[in-house]
Amino acid sequence: MIELMKKINGAPCACGKIHRFECDIYSGHGAVNDLRSALSKYETKKAFVFADKNTYAVGGRSVEAILGESGIP
């Protein structure tokens, strides 16, 4: 996943623009608890949640709930 993010960050897009993003990766026990501070740090307006069915069941629902509470689609 990290290699894919490095590959697409700053790469030319089909729309003709070059898109860049900043990203921190949180993983492991309790990582969801760090989400609110990360949202504030980056003044987040939109978010993407990457998860397979197992990680979604463990933490994805909580992440979506926190995003919703924070007004982030």
Protein backbone atom coordinates (compact mmCIF):
# COMPACT_ATOMS: atom_id res chain seq x y z
CA MET A 1 0.00 0.00 0.00
CA ILE A 2 2.79 2.44 0.87
CA GLU A 3 4.51 1.74 -2.45
CA LEU A 4 1.26 2.42 -4.33
CA MET A 5 0.80 5.71 -2.48
CA LYS A 6 4.36 6.77 -3.35
CA LYS A 7 3.73 5.89 -6.98
CA ILE A 8 0.51 7.92 -7.35
CA ASN A 9 1.46 10.93 -5.20
CA GLY A 10 2.50 13.64 -7.64
CA ALA A 11 1.95 11.52 -10.73
CA PRO A 12 0.20 13.04 -13.75
CA CYS A 13 -3.56 12.39 -13.67
CA ALA A 14 -5.89 11.65 -16.59
CA CYS A 15 -7.46 15.08 -15.93
CA GLY A 16 -4.14 16.72 -16.81
CA LYS A 17 -3.34 17.91 -13.28
CA ILE A 18 -0.79 16.65 -10.80
CA HIS A 19 -2.35 15.80 -7.45
CA ARG A 20 -0.35 15.62 -4.22
CA PHE A 21 -1.36 14.56 -0.75
CA GLU A 22 0.04 14.28 2.74
CA CYS A 23 -0.62 11.14 4.66
CA ASP A 24 0.13 9.52 7.97
CA ILE A 25 -0.52 5.83 8.39
CA TYR A 26 -1.84 4.63 11.71
CA SER A 27 -2.04 0.92 12.41
CA GLY A 28 -2.14 -1.44 15.33
CA HIS A 29 -4.06 -1.64 18.57
CA GLY A 30 -5.62 1.70 19.48
CA ALA A 31 -4.84 3.41 16.17
CA VAL A 32 -8.46 4.54 15.79
CA ASN A 33 -8.02 6.61 18.95
CA ASP A 34 -5.49 8.81 17.12
CA LEU A 35 -7.89 9.67 14.30
CA ARG A 36 -9.43 12.84 15.74
CA SER A 37 -6.03 14.45 16.31
CA ALA A 38 -4.92 13.48 12.79
CA LEU A 39 -8.06 15.06 11.32
CA SER A 40 -7.29 18.30 13.15
CA LYS A 41 -3.61 18.22 12.19
CA TYR A 42 -4.41 18.21 8.48
CA GLU A 43 -7.63 20.28 8.66
CA THR A 44 -9.25 17.37 6.86
CA LYS A 45 -12.22 18.02 4.58
CA LYS A 46 -12.45 14.63 2.83
CA ALA A 47 -11.17 11.19 3.69
CA PHE A 48 -10.74 7.76 2.14
CA VAL A 49 -10.91 4.58 4.19
CA PHE A 50 -8.90 1.66 2.83
CA ALA A 51 -9.82 -1.65 4.41
CA ASP A 52 -10.49 -5.25 3.55
CA LYS A 53 -13.49 -7.01 5.09
CA ASN A 54 -11.50 -8.07 8.16
CA THR A 55 -9.96 -4.70 9.01
CA TYR A 56 -13.27 -2.99 8.28
CA ALA A 57 -14.98 -5.23 10.81
CA VAL A 58 -12.31 -4.49 13.42
CA GLY A 59 -11.92 -0.73 12.99
CA GLY A 60 -13.52 0.54 9.79
CA ARG A 61 -16.95 1.10 11.28
CA SER A 62 -15.41 3.13 14.11
CA VAL A 63 -13.40 5.19 11.64
CA GLU A 64 -16.51 5.94 9.58
CA ALA A 65 -18.39 6.94 12.74
CA ILE A 66 -15.62 9.35 13.81
CA LEU A 67 -15.49 10.84 10.30
CA GLY A 68 -19.26 11.31 10.33
CA GLU A 69 -19.18 12.94 13.78
CA SER A 70 -16.48 15.28 12.46
CA GLY A 71 -18.58 16.26 9.43
CA ILE A 72 -16.23 14.61 6.97
CA PRO A 73 -17.85 12.72 4.06
